[in-house]
PDB file of N, CA and C in Angstrom:
ATOM      1  N   MET A   1     -22.115   9.453   7.058  1.00  0.00           N
ATOM      2  CA  MET A   1     -20.851  10.127   7.244  1.00  0.00           C
ATOM      3  C   MET A   1     -19.762   9.090   7.526  1.00  0.00           C
ATOM      4  N   LYS A   2     -18.603   9.286   6.888  1.00  0.00           N
ATOM      5  CA  LYS A   2     -17.518   8.333   7.018  1.00  0.00           C
ATOM      6  C   LYS A   2     -16.818   8.450   8.368  1.00  0.00           C
ATOM      7  N   ASP A   3     -16.322   7.325   8.823  1.00  0.00           N
ATOM      8  CA  ASP A   3     -15.489   7.254  10.013  1.00  0.00           C
ATOM      9  C   ASP A   3     -14.240   8.125   9.780  1.00  0.00           C
ATOM     10  N   PRO A   4     -13.859   8.977  10.739  1.00  0.00           N
ATOM     11  CA  PRO A   4     -12.686   9.851  10.543  1.00  0.00           C
ATOM     12  C   PRO A   4     -11.400   9.080  10.216  1.00  0.00           C
ATOM     13  N   ARG A   5     -11.234   7.882  10.788  1.00  0.00           N
ATOM     14  CA  ARG A   5     -10.043   7.076  10.463  1.00  0.00           C
ATOM     15  C   ARG A   5     -10.080   6.640   9.013  1.00  0.00           C
ATOM     16  N   ARG A   6     -11.265   6.293   8.519  1.00  0.00           N
ATOM     17  CA  ARG A   6     -11.403   5.889   7.117  1.00  0.00           C
ATOM     18  C   ARG A   6     -11.120   7.083   6.190  1.00  0.00           C
ATOM     19  N   GLN A   7     -11.594   8.259   6.586  1.00  0.00           N
ATOM     20  CA  GLN A   7     -11.328   9.470   5.794  1.00  0.00           C
ATOM     21  C   GLN A   7      -9.828   9.739   5.719  1.00  0.00           C
ATOM     22  N   LEU A   8      -9.127   9.588   6.848  1.00  0.00           N
ATOM     23  CA  LEU A   8      -7.680   9.786   6.882  1.00  0.00           C
ATOM     24  C   LEU A   8      -6.998   8.762   5.975  1.00  0.00           C
ATOM     25  N   GLY A   9      -7.432   7.503   6.063  1.00  0.00           N
ATOM     26  CA  GLY A   9      -6.864   6.448   5.224  1.00  0.00           C
ATOM     27  C   GLY A   9      -7.097   6.694   3.744  1.00  0.00           C
ATOM     28  N   ASP A  10      -8.303   7.118   3.397  1.00  0.00           N
ATOM     29  CA  ASP A  10      -8.614   7.403   1.989  1.00  0.00           C
ATOM     30  C   ASP A  10      -7.769   8.560   1.461  1.00  0.00           C
ATOM     31  N   ALA A  11      -7.620   9.604   2.286  1.00  0.00           N
ATOM     32  CA  ALA A  11      -6.800  10.750   1.878  1.00  0.00           C
ATOM     33  C   ALA A  11      -5.347  10.305   1.684  1.00  0.00           C
ATOM     34  N   GLY A  12      -4.868   9.438   2.574  1.00  0.00           N
ATOM     35  CA  GLY A  12      -3.515   8.908   2.451  1.00  0.00           C
ATOM     36  C   GLY A  12      -3.330   8.087   1.193  1.00  0.00           C
ATOM     37  N   GLU A  13      -4.319   7.266   0.867  1.00  0.00           N
ATOM     38  CA  GLU A  13      -4.231   6.455  -0.353  1.00  0.00           C
ATOM     39  C   GLU A  13      -4.224   7.334  -1.601  1.00  0.00           C
ATOM     40  N   ASP A  14      -5.003   8.416  -1.586  1.00  0.00           N
ATOM     41  CA  ASP A  14      -4.980   9.351  -2.722  1.00  0.00           C
ATOM     42  C   ASP A  14      -3.587   9.963  -2.889  1.00  0.00           C
ATOM     43  N   LEU A  15      -2.998  10.408  -1.780  1.00  0.00           N
ATOM     44  CA  LEU A  15      -1.649  10.983  -1.823  1.00  0.00           C
ATOM     45  C   LEU A  15      -0.624   9.948  -2.279  1.00  0.00           C
ATOM     46  N   ALA A  16      -0.756   8.735  -1.753  1.00  0.00           N
ATOM     47  CA  ALA A  16       0.177   7.665  -2.119  1.00  0.00           C
ATOM     48  C   ALA A  16       0.088   7.363  -3.613  1.00  0.00           C
ATOM     49  N   ALA A  17      -1.127   7.236  -4.128  1.00  0.00           N
ATOM     50  CA  ALA A  17      -1.302   6.931  -5.556  1.00  0.00           C
ATOM     51  C   ALA A  17      -0.677   8.028  -6.423  1.00  0.00           C
ATOM     52  N   ALA A  18      -0.874   9.285  -6.039  1.00  0.00           N
ATOM     53  CA  ALA A  18      -0.303  10.398  -6.806  1.00  0.00           C
ATOM     54  C   ALA A  18       1.228  10.366  -6.763  1.00  0.00           C
ATOM     55  N   ALA A  19       1.793  10.118  -5.588  1.00  0.00           N
ATOM     56  CA  ALA A  19       3.254  10.059  -5.444  1.00  0.00           C
ATOM     57  C   ALA A  19       3.835   8.881  -6.222  1.00  0.00           C
ATOM     58  N   LEU A  20       3.148   7.754  -6.190  1.00  0.00           N
ATOM     59  CA  LEU A  20       3.619   6.569  -6.911  1.00  0.00           C
ATOM     60  C   LEU A  20       3.584   6.799  -8.421  1.00  0.00           C
ATOM     61  N   LYS A  21       2.529   7.429  -8.910  1.00  0.00           N
ATOM     62  CA  LYS A  21       2.441   7.739 -10.345  1.00  0.00           C
ATOM     63  C   LYS A  21       3.608   8.607 -10.785  1.00  0.00           C
ATOM     64  N   LYS A  22       3.980   9.584  -9.956  1.00  0.00           N
ATOM     65  CA  LYS A  22       5.122  10.452 -10.274  1.00  0.00           C
ATOM     66  C   LYS A  22       6.422   9.654 -10.352  1.00  0.00           C
ATOM     67  N   GLN A  23       6.472   8.520  -9.633  1.00  0.00           N
ATOM     68  CA  GLN A  23       7.665   7.662  -9.622  1.00  0.00           C
ATOM     69  C   GLN A  23       7.616   6.609 -10.730  1.00  0.00           C
ATOM     70  N   GLY A  24       6.589   6.673 -11.589  1.00  0.00           N
ATOM     71  CA  GLY A  24       6.504   5.751 -12.713  1.00  0.00           C
ATOM     72  C   GLY A  24       5.693   4.495 -12.470  1.00  0.00           C
ATOM     73  N   TYR A  25       4.975   4.436 -11.365  1.00  0.00           N
ATOM     74  CA  TYR A  25       4.099   3.292 -11.103  1.00  0.00           C
ATOM     75  C   TYR A  25       2.812   3.469 -11.910  1.00  0.00           C
ATOM     76  N   LYS A  26       2.260   2.361 -12.385  1.00  0.00           N
ATOM     77  CA  LYS A  26       0.938   2.376 -13.021  1.00  0.00           C
ATOM     78  C   LYS A  26      -0.014   1.675 -12.061  1.00  0.00           C
ATOM     79  N   ILE A  27      -0.955   2.409 -11.515  1.00  0.00           N
ATOM     80  CA  ILE A  27      -1.893   1.848 -10.535  1.00  0.00           C
ATOM     81  C   ILE A  27      -2.885   0.943 -11.266  1.00  0.00           C
ATOM     82  N   LEU A  28      -2.945  -0.323 -10.844  1.00  0.00           N
ATOM     83  CA  LEU A  28      -3.855  -1.301 -11.449  1.00  0.00           C
ATOM     84  C   LEU A  28      -5.127  -1.483 -10.628  1.00  0.00           C
ATOM     85  N   GLU A  29      -4.986  -1.466  -9.312  1.00  0.00           N
ATOM     86  CA  GLU A  29      -6.135  -1.703  -8.411  1.00  0.00           C
ATOM     87  C   GLU A  29      -6.000  -0.808  -7.191  1.00  0.00           C
ATOM     88  N   ARG A  30      -7.149  -0.351  -6.713  1.00  0.00           N
ATOM     89  CA  ARG A  30      -7.207   0.350  -5.427  1.00  0.00           C
ATOM     90  C   ARG A  30      -8.191  -0.389  -4.555  1.00  0.00           C
ATOM     91  N   ASN A  31      -7.803  -0.619  -3.322  1.00  0.00           N
ATOM     92  CA  ASN A  31      -8.657  -1.316  -2.362  1.00  0.00           C
ATOM     93  C   ASN A  31      -9.177  -2.643  -2.915  1.00  0.00           C
ATOM     94  N   TYR A  32      -8.244  -3.475  -3.365  1.00  0.00           N
ATOM     95  CA  TYR A  32      -8.601  -4.808  -3.863  1.00  0.00           C
ATOM     96  C   TYR A  32      -9.075  -5.645  -2.679  1.00  0.00           C
ATOM     97  N   VAL A  33     -10.321  -6.116  -2.761  1.00  0.00           N
ATOM     98  CA  VAL A  33     -10.917  -6.892  -1.676  1.00  0.00           C
ATOM     99  C   VAL A  33     -11.148  -8.323  -2.138  1.00  0.00           C
ATOM    100  N   CYS A  34     -10.781  -9.268  -1.272  1.00  0.00           N
ATOM    101  CA  CYS A  34     -11.033 -10.686  -1.522  1.00  0.00           C
ATOM    102  C   CYS A  34     -11.439 -11.311  -0.189  1.00  0.00           C
ATOM    103  N   PRO A  35     -11.763 -12.596  -0.171  1.00  0.00           N
ATOM    104  CA  PRO A  35     -12.192 -13.213   1.088  1.00  0.00           C
ATOM    105  C   PRO A  35     -11.141 -13.148   2.208  1.00  0.00           C
ATOM    106  N   LEU A  36      -9.879 -12.972   1.852  1.00  0.00           N
ATOM    107  CA  LEU A  36      -8.822 -12.941   2.858  1.00  0.00           C
ATOM    108  C   LEU A  36      -8.573 -11.555   3.441  1.00  0.00           C
ATOM    109  N   GLY A  37      -9.075 -10.515   2.772  1.00  0.00           N
ATOM    110  CA  GLY A  37      -8.842  -9.158   3.253  1.00  0.00           C
ATOM    111  C   GLY A  37      -8.716  -8.168   2.117  1.00  0.00           C
ATOM    112  N   GLU A  38      -7.914  -7.128   2.335  1.00  0.00           N
ATOM    113  CA  GLU A  38      -7.815  -6.029   1.371  1.00  0.00           C
ATOM    114  C   GLU A  38      -6.359  -5.616   1.153  1.00  0.00           C
ATOM    115  N   ILE A  39      -6.043  -5.294  -0.090  1.00  0.00           N
ATOM    116  CA  ILE A  39      -4.748  -4.714  -0.440  1.00  0.00           C
ATOM    117  C   ILE A  39      -5.026  -3.278  -0.858  1.00  0.00           C
ATOM    118  N   ASP A  40      -4.282  -2.339  -0.272  1.00  0.00           N
ATOM    119  CA  ASP A  40      -4.538  -0.922  -0.543  1.00  0.00           C
ATOM    120  C   ASP A  40      -4.348  -0.580  -2.017  1.00  0.00           C
ATOM    121  N   LEU A  41      -3.161  -0.867  -2.544  1.00  0.00           N
ATOM    122  CA  LEU A  41      -2.867  -0.550  -3.943  1.00  0.00           C
ATOM    123  C   LEU A  41      -2.090  -1.695  -4.585  1.00  0.00           C
ATOM    124  N   ILE A  42      -2.399  -1.947  -5.838  1.00  0.00           N
ATOM    125  CA  ILE A  42      -1.618  -2.884  -6.647  1.00  0.00           C
ATOM    126  C   ILE A  42      -1.206  -2.108  -7.884  1.00  0.00           C
ATOM    127  N   ALA A  43       0.085  -2.154  -8.186  1.00  0.00           N
ATOM    128  CA  ALA A  43       0.603  -1.350  -9.290  1.00  0.00           C
ATOM    129  C   ALA A  43       1.633  -2.153 -10.078  1.00  0.00           C
ATOM    130  N   ARG A  44       2.006  -1.593 -11.192  1.00  0.00           N
ATOM    131  CA  ARG A  44       3.083  -2.148 -11.994  1.00  0.00           C
ATOM    132  C   ARG A  44       4.148  -1.074 -12.112  1.00  0.00           C
ATOM    133  N   GLN A  45       5.388  -1.464 -11.889  1.00  0.00           N
ATOM    134  CA  GLN A  45       6.513  -0.569 -12.126  1.00  0.00           C
ATOM    135  C   GLN A  45       7.455  -1.336 -13.033  1.00  0.00           C
ATOM    136  N   GLY A  46       7.443  -0.945 -14.297  1.00  0.00           N
ATOM    137  CA  GLY A  46       8.179  -1.723 -15.294  1.00  0.00           C
ATOM    138  C   GLY A  46       7.547  -3.097 -15.398  1.00  0.00           C
ATOM    139  N   LYS A  47       8.357  -4.140 -15.243  1.00  0.00           N
ATOM    140  CA  LYS A  47       7.845  -5.516 -15.327  1.00  0.00           C
ATOM    141  C   LYS A  47       7.450  -6.083 -13.969  1.00  0.00           C
ATOM    142  N   ILE A  48       7.610  -5.288 -12.913  1.00  0.00           N
ATOM    143  CA  ILE A  48       7.363  -5.770 -11.557  1.00  0.00           C
ATOM    144  C   ILE A  48       5.948  -5.435 -11.112  1.00  0.00           C
ATOM    145  N   LEU A  49       5.256  -6.439 -10.559  1.00  0.00           N
ATOM    146  CA  LEU A  49       3.941  -6.245  -9.968  1.00  0.00           C
ATOM    147  C   LEU A  49       4.179  -5.900  -8.494  1.00  0.00           C
ATOM    148  N   VAL A  50       3.652  -4.751  -8.072  1.00  0.00           N
ATOM    149  CA  VAL A  50       3.941  -4.245  -6.733  1.00  0.00           C
ATOM    150  C   VAL A  50       2.659  -4.207  -5.897  1.00  0.00           C
ATOM    151  N   PHE A  51       2.728  -4.854  -4.738  1.00  0.00           N
ATOM    152  CA  PHE A  51       1.637  -4.817  -3.766  1.00  0.00           C
ATOM    153  C   PHE A  51       2.027  -3.778  -2.726  1.00  0.00           C
ATOM    154  N   ILE A  52       1.137  -2.809  -2.495  1.00  0.00           N
ATOM    155  CA  ILE A  52       1.497  -1.641  -1.696  1.00  0.00           C
ATOM    156  C   ILE A  52       0.552  -1.479  -0.512  1.00  0.00           C
ATOM    157  N   GLU A  53       1.137  -1.392   0.661  1.00  0.00           N
ATOM    158  CA  GLU A  53       0.397  -1.096   1.879  1.00  0.00           C
ATOM    159  C   GLU A  53       0.622   0.380   2.202  1.00  0.00           C
ATOM    160  N   VAL A  54      -0.469   1.098   2.423  1.00  0.00           N
ATOM    161  CA  VAL A  54      -0.395   2.527   2.736  1.00  0.00           C
ATOM    162  C   VAL A  54      -0.790   2.712   4.196  1.00  0.00           C
ATOM    163  N   LYS A  55       0.068   3.390   4.949  1.00  0.00           N
ATOM    164  CA  LYS A  55      -0.223   3.689   6.358  1.00  0.00           C
ATOM    165  C   LYS A  55      -0.157   5.199   6.540  1.00  0.00           C
ATOM    166  N   THR A  56      -1.243   5.758   7.061  1.00  0.00           N
ATOM    167  CA  THR A  56      -1.350   7.199   7.227  1.00  0.00           C
ATOM    168  C   THR A  56      -1.629   7.520   8.691  1.00  0.00           C
ATOM    169  N   ARG A  57      -0.911   8.508   9.201  1.00  0.00           N
ATOM    170  CA  ARG A  57      -1.141   8.979  10.570  1.00  0.00           C
ATOM    171  C   ARG A  57      -1.153  10.500  10.581  1.00  0.00           C
ATOM    172  N   LYS A  58      -1.800  11.053  11.603  1.00  0.00           N
ATOM    173  CA  LYS A  58      -1.840  12.510  11.757  1.00  0.00           C
ATOM    174  C   LYS A  58      -0.478  13.041  12.202  1.00  0.00           C
ATOM    175  N   ASN A  59       0.228  12.254  13.013  1.00  0.00           N
ATOM    176  CA  ASN A  59       1.540  12.664  13.527  1.00  0.00           C
ATOM    177  C   ASN A  59       2.317  11.397  13.899  1.00  0.00           C
ATOM    178  N   GLU A  60       3.504  11.577  14.441  1.00  0.00           N
ATOM    179  CA  GLU A  60       4.339  10.429  14.795  1.00  0.00           C
ATOM    180  C   GLU A  60       4.308  10.122  16.295  1.00  0.00           C
ATOM    181  N   ARG A  61       3.269  10.542  16.958  1.00  0.00           N
ATOM    182  CA  ARG A  61       3.149  10.308  18.402  1.00  0.00           C
ATOM    183  C   ARG A  61       3.235   8.819  18.739  1.00  0.00           C
ATOM    184  N   PHE A  62       2.705   7.981  17.866  1.00  0.00           N
ATOM    185  CA  PHE A  62       2.748   6.535  18.088  1.00  0.00           C
ATOM    186  C   PHE A  62       3.779   5.863  17.183  1.00  0.00           C
ATOM    187  N   GLY A  63       4.730   6.629  16.678  1.00  0.00           N
ATOM    188  CA  GLY A  63       5.771   6.093  15.805  1.00  0.00           C
ATOM    189  C   GLY A  63       5.465   6.366  14.345  1.00  0.00           C
ATOM    190  N   ALA A  64       6.417   6.010  13.506  1.00  0.00           N
ATOM    191  CA  ALA A  64       6.252   6.192  12.064  1.00  0.00           C
ATOM    192  C   ALA A  64       5.153   5.259  11.562  1.00  0.00           C
ATOM    193  N   PRO A  65       4.354   5.710  10.601  1.00  0.00           N
ATOM    194  CA  PRO A  65       3.244   4.867  10.136  1.00  0.00           C
ATOM    195  C   PRO A  65       3.701   3.524   9.578  1.00  0.00           C
ATOM    196  N   GLN A  66       4.836   3.502   8.865  1.00  0.00           N
ATOM    197  CA  GLN A  66       5.292   2.255   8.257  1.00  0.00           C
ATOM    198  C   GLN A  66       5.667   1.185   9.292  1.00  0.00           C
ATOM    199  N   GLU A  67       5.927   1.618  10.537  1.00  0.00           N
ATOM    200  CA  GLU A  67       6.235   0.657  11.602  1.00  0.00           C
ATOM    201  C   GLU A  67       5.040  -0.244  11.910  1.00  0.00           C
ATOM    202  N   ALA A  68       3.843   0.169  11.510  1.00  0.00           N
ATOM    203  CA  ALA A  68       2.638  -0.627  11.748  1.00  0.00           C
ATOM    204  C   ALA A  68       2.565  -1.850  10.837  1.00  0.00           C
ATOM    205  N   VAL A  69       3.435  -1.915   9.830  1.00  0.00           N
ATOM    206  CA  VAL A  69       3.449  -3.079   8.936  1.00  0.00           C
ATOM    207  C   VAL A  69       4.403  -4.103   9.555  1.00  0.00           C
ATOM    208  N   ASN A  70       3.884  -4.753  10.592  1.00  0.00           N
ATOM    209  CA  ASN A  70       4.667  -5.712  11.375  1.00  0.00           C
ATOM    210  C   ASN A  70       4.700  -7.080  10.694  1.00  0.00           C
ATOM    211  N   PRO A  71       5.443  -8.035  11.256  1.00  0.00           N
ATOM    212  CA  PRO A  71       5.528  -9.367  10.619  1.00  0.00           C
ATOM    213  C   PRO A  71       4.177 -10.035  10.363  1.00  0.00           C
ATOM    214  N   ALA A  72       3.220  -9.868  11.264  1.00  0.00           N
ATOM    215  CA  ALA A  72       1.892 -10.469  11.047  1.00  0.00           C
ATOM    216  C   ALA A  72       1.209  -9.838   9.833  1.00  0.00           C
ATOM    217  N   LYS A  73       1.300  -8.512   9.714  1.00  0.00           N
ATOM    218  CA  LYS A  73       0.709  -7.814   8.564  1.00  0.00           C
ATOM    219  C   LYS A  73       1.424  -8.216   7.278  1.00  0.00           C
ATOM    220  N   GLN A  74       2.739  -8.393   7.349  1.00  0.00           N
ATOM    221  CA  GLN A  74       3.507  -8.811   6.178  1.00  0.00           C
ATOM    222  C   GLN A  74       3.066 -10.199   5.710  1.00  0.00           C
ATOM    223  N   ARG A  75       2.863 -11.121   6.647  1.00  0.00           N
ATOM    224  CA  ARG A  75       2.381 -12.468   6.285  1.00  0.00           C
ATOM    225  C   ARG A  75       1.024 -12.378   5.599  1.00  0.00           C
ATOM    226  N   LYS A  76       0.138 -11.557   6.160  1.00  0.00           N
ATOM    227  CA  LYS A  76      -1.202 -11.403   5.578  1.00  0.00           C
ATOM    228  C   LYS A  76      -1.112 -10.839   4.165  1.00  0.00           C
ATOM    229  N   LEU A  77      -0.255  -9.843   3.957  1.00  0.00           N
ATOM    230  CA  LEU A  77      -0.106  -9.256   2.621  1.00  0.00           C
ATOM    231  C   LEU A  77       0.437 -10.277   1.626  1.00  0.00           C
ATOM    232  N   ARG A  78       1.341 -11.139   2.063  1.00  0.00           N
ATOM    233  CA  ARG A  78       1.850 -12.194   1.170  1.00  0.00           C
ATOM    234  C   ARG A  78       0.730 -13.156   0.773  1.00  0.00           C
ATOM    235  N   LEU A  79      -0.129 -13.519   1.736  1.00  0.00           N
ATOM    236  CA  LEU A  79      -1.277 -14.389   1.430  1.00  0.00           C
ATOM    237  C   LEU A  79      -2.231 -13.712   0.448  1.00  0.00           C
ATOM    238  N   LEU A  80      -2.504 -12.442   0.674  1.00  0.00           N
ATOM    239  CA  LEU A  80      -3.381 -11.692  -0.227  1.00  0.00           C
ATOM    240  C   LEU A  80      -2.788 -11.612  -1.629  1.00  0.00           C
ATOM    241  N   ALA A  81      -1.481 -11.392  -1.710  1.00  0.00           N
ATOM    242  CA  ALA A  81      -0.816 -11.321  -3.016  1.00  0.00           C
ATOM    243  C   ALA A  81      -0.913 -12.661  -3.738  1.00  0.00           C
ATOM    244  N   ASP A  82      -0.693 -13.763  -3.011  1.00  0.00           N
ATOM    245  CA  ASP A  82      -0.825 -15.095  -3.615  1.00  0.00           C
ATOM    246  C   ASP A  82      -2.235 -15.300  -4.155  1.00  0.00           C
ATOM    247  N   TYR A  83      -3.222 -14.901  -3.379  1.00  0.00           N
ATOM    248  CA  TYR A  83      -4.612 -15.029  -3.807  1.00  0.00           C
ATOM    249  C   TYR A  83      -4.843 -14.233  -5.090  1.00  0.00           C
ATOM    250  N   TYR A  84      -4.346 -12.998  -5.111  1.00  0.00           N
ATOM    251  CA  TYR A  84      -4.505 -12.136  -6.287  1.00  0.00           C
ATOM    252  C   TYR A  84      -3.876 -12.776  -7.522  1.00  0.00           C
ATOM    253  N   LEU A  85      -2.649 -13.264  -7.368  1.00  0.00           N
ATOM    254  CA  LEU A  85      -1.938 -13.880  -8.495  1.00  0.00           C
ATOM    255  C   LEU A  85      -2.706 -15.084  -9.037  1.00  0.00           C
ATOM    256  N   LYS A  86      -3.259 -15.894  -8.133  1.00  0.00           N
ATOM    257  CA  LYS A  86      -4.028 -17.069  -8.564  1.00  0.00           C
ATOM    258  C   LYS A  86      -5.343 -16.656  -9.218  1.00  0.00           C
ATOM    259  N   GLN A  87      -6.025 -15.681  -8.620  1.00  0.00           N
ATOM    260  CA  GLN A  87      -7.306 -15.229  -9.172  1.00  0.00           C
ATOM    261  C   GLN A  87      -7.129 -14.651 -10.573  1.00  0.00           C
ATOM    262  N   LYS A  88      -6.050 -13.912 -10.773  1.00  0.00           N
ATOM    263  CA  LYS A  88      -5.798 -13.280 -12.069  1.00  0.00           C
ATOM    264  C   LYS A  88      -5.027 -14.203 -13.020  1.00  0.00           C
ATOM    265  N   ARG A  89      -4.710 -15.387 -12.547  1.00  0.00           N
ATOM    266  CA  ARG A  89      -3.976 -16.392 -13.340  1.00  0.00           C
ATOM    267  C   ARG A  89      -2.704 -15.810 -13.946  1.00  0.00           C
ATOM    268  N   LEU A  90      -1.897 -15.209 -13.088  1.00  0.00           N
ATOM    269  CA  LEU A  90      -0.684 -14.547 -13.563  1.00  0.00           C
ATOM    270  C   LEU A  90       0.542 -15.465 -13.569  1.00  0.00           C
ATOM    271  N   GLY A  91       0.424 -16.636 -12.991  1.00  0.00           N
ATOM    272  CA  GLY A  91       1.531 -17.587 -13.052  1.00  0.00           C
ATOM    273  C   GLY A  91       2.640 -17.271 -12.070  1.00  0.00           C
ATOM    274  N   GLU A  92       3.617 -18.151 -12.041  1.00  0.00           N
ATOM    275  CA  GLU A  92       4.693 -18.031 -11.067  1.00  0.00           C
ATOM    276  C   GLU A  92       5.889 -17.254 -11.581  1.00  0.00           C
ATOM    277  N   ASP A  93       5.904 -16.907 -12.855  1.00  0.00           N
ATOM    278  CA  ASP A  93       7.057 -16.206 -13.410  1.00  0.00           C
ATOM    279  C   ASP A  93       6.948 -14.681 -13.264  1.00  0.00           C
ATOM    280  N   VAL A  94       5.898 -14.211 -12.600  1.00  0.00           N
ATOM    281  CA  VAL A  94       5.695 -12.777 -12.401  1.00  0.00           C
ATOM    282  C   VAL A  94       6.627 -12.292 -11.283  1.00  0.00           C
ATOM    283  N   GLN A  95       7.337 -11.202 -11.559  1.00  0.00           N
ATOM    284  CA  GLN A  95       8.171 -10.590 -10.522  1.00  0.00           C
ATOM    285  C   GLN A  95       7.257  -9.787  -9.599  1.00  0.00           C
ATOM    286  N   VAL A  96       7.398 -10.017  -8.287  1.00  0.00           N
ATOM    287  CA  VAL A  96       6.539  -9.380  -7.304  1.00  0.00           C
ATOM    288  C   VAL A  96       7.409  -8.647  -6.281  1.00  0.00           C
ATOM    289  N   ARG A  97       6.883  -7.519  -5.823  1.00  0.00           N
ATOM    290  CA  ARG A  97       7.570  -6.748  -4.799  1.00  0.00           C
ATOM    291  C   ARG A  97       6.525  -6.178  -3.840  1.00  0.00           C
ATOM    292  N   PHE A  98       6.933  -5.979  -2.595  1.00  0.00           N
ATOM    293  CA  PHE A  98       6.055  -5.384  -1.589  1.00  0.00           C
ATOM    294  C   PHE A  98       6.641  -4.042  -1.159  1.00  0.00           C
ATOM    295  N   ASP A  99       5.877  -2.978  -1.369  1.00  0.00           N
ATOM    296  CA  ASP A  99       6.277  -1.636  -0.961  1.00  0.00           C
ATOM    297  C   ASP A  99       5.346  -1.149   0.142  1.00  0.00           C
ATOM    298  N   VAL A 100       5.833  -0.233   0.927  1.00  0.00           N
ATOM    299  CA  VAL A 100       5.021   0.420   1.952  1.00  0.00           C
ATOM    300  C   VAL A 100       5.142   1.921   1.737  1.00  0.00           C
ATOM    301  N   VAL A 101       4.007   2.601   1.836  1.00  0.00           N
ATOM    302  CA  VAL A 101       4.011   4.062   1.771  1.00  0.00           C
ATOM    303  C   VAL A 101       3.547   4.564   3.135  1.00  0.00           C
ATOM    304  N   GLY A 102       4.424   5.329   3.790  1.00  0.00           N
ATOM    305  CA  GLY A 102       4.099   5.931   5.075  1.00  0.00           C
ATOM    306  C   GLY A 102       3.805   7.403   4.880  1.00  0.00           C
ATOM    307  N   ILE A 103       2.704   7.851   5.442  1.00  0.00           N
ATOM    308  CA  ILE A 103       2.288   9.244   5.267  1.00  0.00           C
ATOM    309  C   ILE A 103       1.982   9.860   6.633  1.00  0.00           C
ATOM    310  N   ILE A 104       2.581  11.019   6.868  1.00  0.00           N
ATOM    311  CA  ILE A 104       2.275  11.817   8.056  1.00  0.00           C
ATOM    312  C   ILE A 104       1.540  13.062   7.564  1.00  0.00           C
ATOM    313  N   MET A 105       0.339  13.261   8.059  1.00  0.00           N
ATOM    314  CA  MET A 105      -0.453  14.441   7.695  1.00  0.00           C
ATOM    315  C   MET A 105      -0.107  15.568   8.661  1.00  0.00           C
ATOM    316  N   GLY A 106       1.097  16.083   8.553  1.00  0.00           N
ATOM    317  CA  GLY A 106       1.578  17.110   9.470  1.00  0.00           C
ATOM    318  C   GLY A 106       0.987  18.478   9.189  1.00  0.00           C
ATOM    319  N   GLU A 107       1.238  19.382  10.129  1.00  0.00           N
ATOM    320  CA  GLU A 107       0.713  20.750   9.997  1.00  0.00           C
ATOM    321  C   GLU A 107       1.346  21.484   8.821  1.00  0.00           C
ATOM    322  N   GLY A 108       2.578  21.131   8.467  1.00  0.00           N
ATOM    323  CA  GLY A 108       3.245  21.772   7.343  1.00  0.00           C
ATOM    324  C   GLY A 108       2.940  21.102   6.017  1.00  0.00           C
ATOM    325  N   GLY A 109       1.936  20.270   5.999  1.00  0.00           N
ATOM    326  CA  GLY A 109       1.584  19.527   4.789  1.00  0.00           C
ATOM    327  C   GLY A 109       2.005  18.076   4.929  1.00  0.00           C
ATOM    328  N   PRO A 110       1.457  17.218   4.090  1.00  0.00           N
ATOM    329  CA  PRO A 110       1.749  15.788   4.215  1.00  0.00           C
ATOM    330  C   PRO A 110       3.185  15.444   3.817  1.00  0.00           C
ATOM    331  N   GLN A 111       3.744  14.475   4.538  1.00  0.00           N
ATOM    332  CA  GLN A 111       5.048  13.915   4.209  1.00  0.00           C
ATOM    333  C   GLN A 111       4.797  12.492   3.724  1.00  0.00           C
ATOM    334  N   VAL A 112       5.274  12.192   2.529  1.00  0.00           N
ATOM    335  CA  VAL A 112       5.053  10.875   1.928  1.00  0.00           C
ATOM    336  C   VAL A 112       6.402  10.188   1.756  1.00  0.00           C
ATOM    337  N   GLU A 113       6.513   8.976   2.307  1.00  0.00           N
ATOM    338  CA  GLU A 113       7.738   8.185   2.151  1.00  0.00           C
ATOM    339  C   GLU A 113       7.391   6.852   1.495  1.00  0.00           C
ATOM    340  N   ILE A 114       8.006   6.597   0.345  1.00  0.00           N
ATOM    341  CA  ILE A 114       7.816   5.338  -0.370  1.00  0.00           C
ATOM    342  C   ILE A 114       8.998   4.427  -0.048  1.00  0.00           C
ATOM    343  N   ILE A 115       8.691   3.275   0.493  1.00  0.00           N
ATOM    344  CA  ILE A 115       9.733   2.308   0.840  1.00  0.00           C
ATOM    345  C   ILE A 115       9.593   1.117  -0.110  1.00  0.00           C
ATOM    346  N   GLN A 116      10.489   1.029  -1.058  1.00  0.00           N
ATOM    347  CA  GLN A 116      10.471  -0.091  -2.005  1.00  0.00           C
ATOM    348  C   GLN A 116      11.099  -1.316  -1.350  1.00  0.00           C
ATOM    349  N   GLU A 117      10.594  -2.491  -1.747  1.00  0.00           N
ATOM    350  CA  GLU A 117      11.090  -3.756  -1.192  1.00  0.00           C
ATOM    351  C   GLU A 117      11.099  -3.691   0.332  1.00  0.00           C
ATOM    352  N   ALA A 118       9.998  -3.265   0.903  1.00  0.00           N
ATOM    353  CA  ALA A 118       9.904  -3.074   2.359  1.00  0.00           C
ATOM    354  C   ALA A 118      10.071  -4.380   3.126  1.00  0.00           C
ATOM    355  N   PHE A 119       9.667  -5.494   2.514  1.00  0.00           N
ATOM    356  CA  PHE A 119       9.836  -6.805   3.150  1.00  0.00           C
ATOM    357  C   PHE A 119       9.841  -7.879   2.101  1.00  0.00           C
TER     358      PHE A 119
END
């Protein structure tokens, strides 16, 4: 049986992927894992390669979910993105962007907020 936090995260990633597709993103990778860690979603929007962190919470008791993407997490995501670019041999001319998707699984249904160019 899955950890309830993992179940919440997986449900959030499913919602995020669906919302991003509606916005014209093409999902390339889900849960990309490398020796440095994990990237929730990697997508393409037009010519831009987008690295996406998804944060899901049951409510805002501890603040908005996207607030959890602090400077330390941002540094880690940049390192992971560099690793991905090198592993896939995509070169330095690739346009890259970092988005965050914050999801609240409220009683009235989930609220999904896509923040482009979050950092």
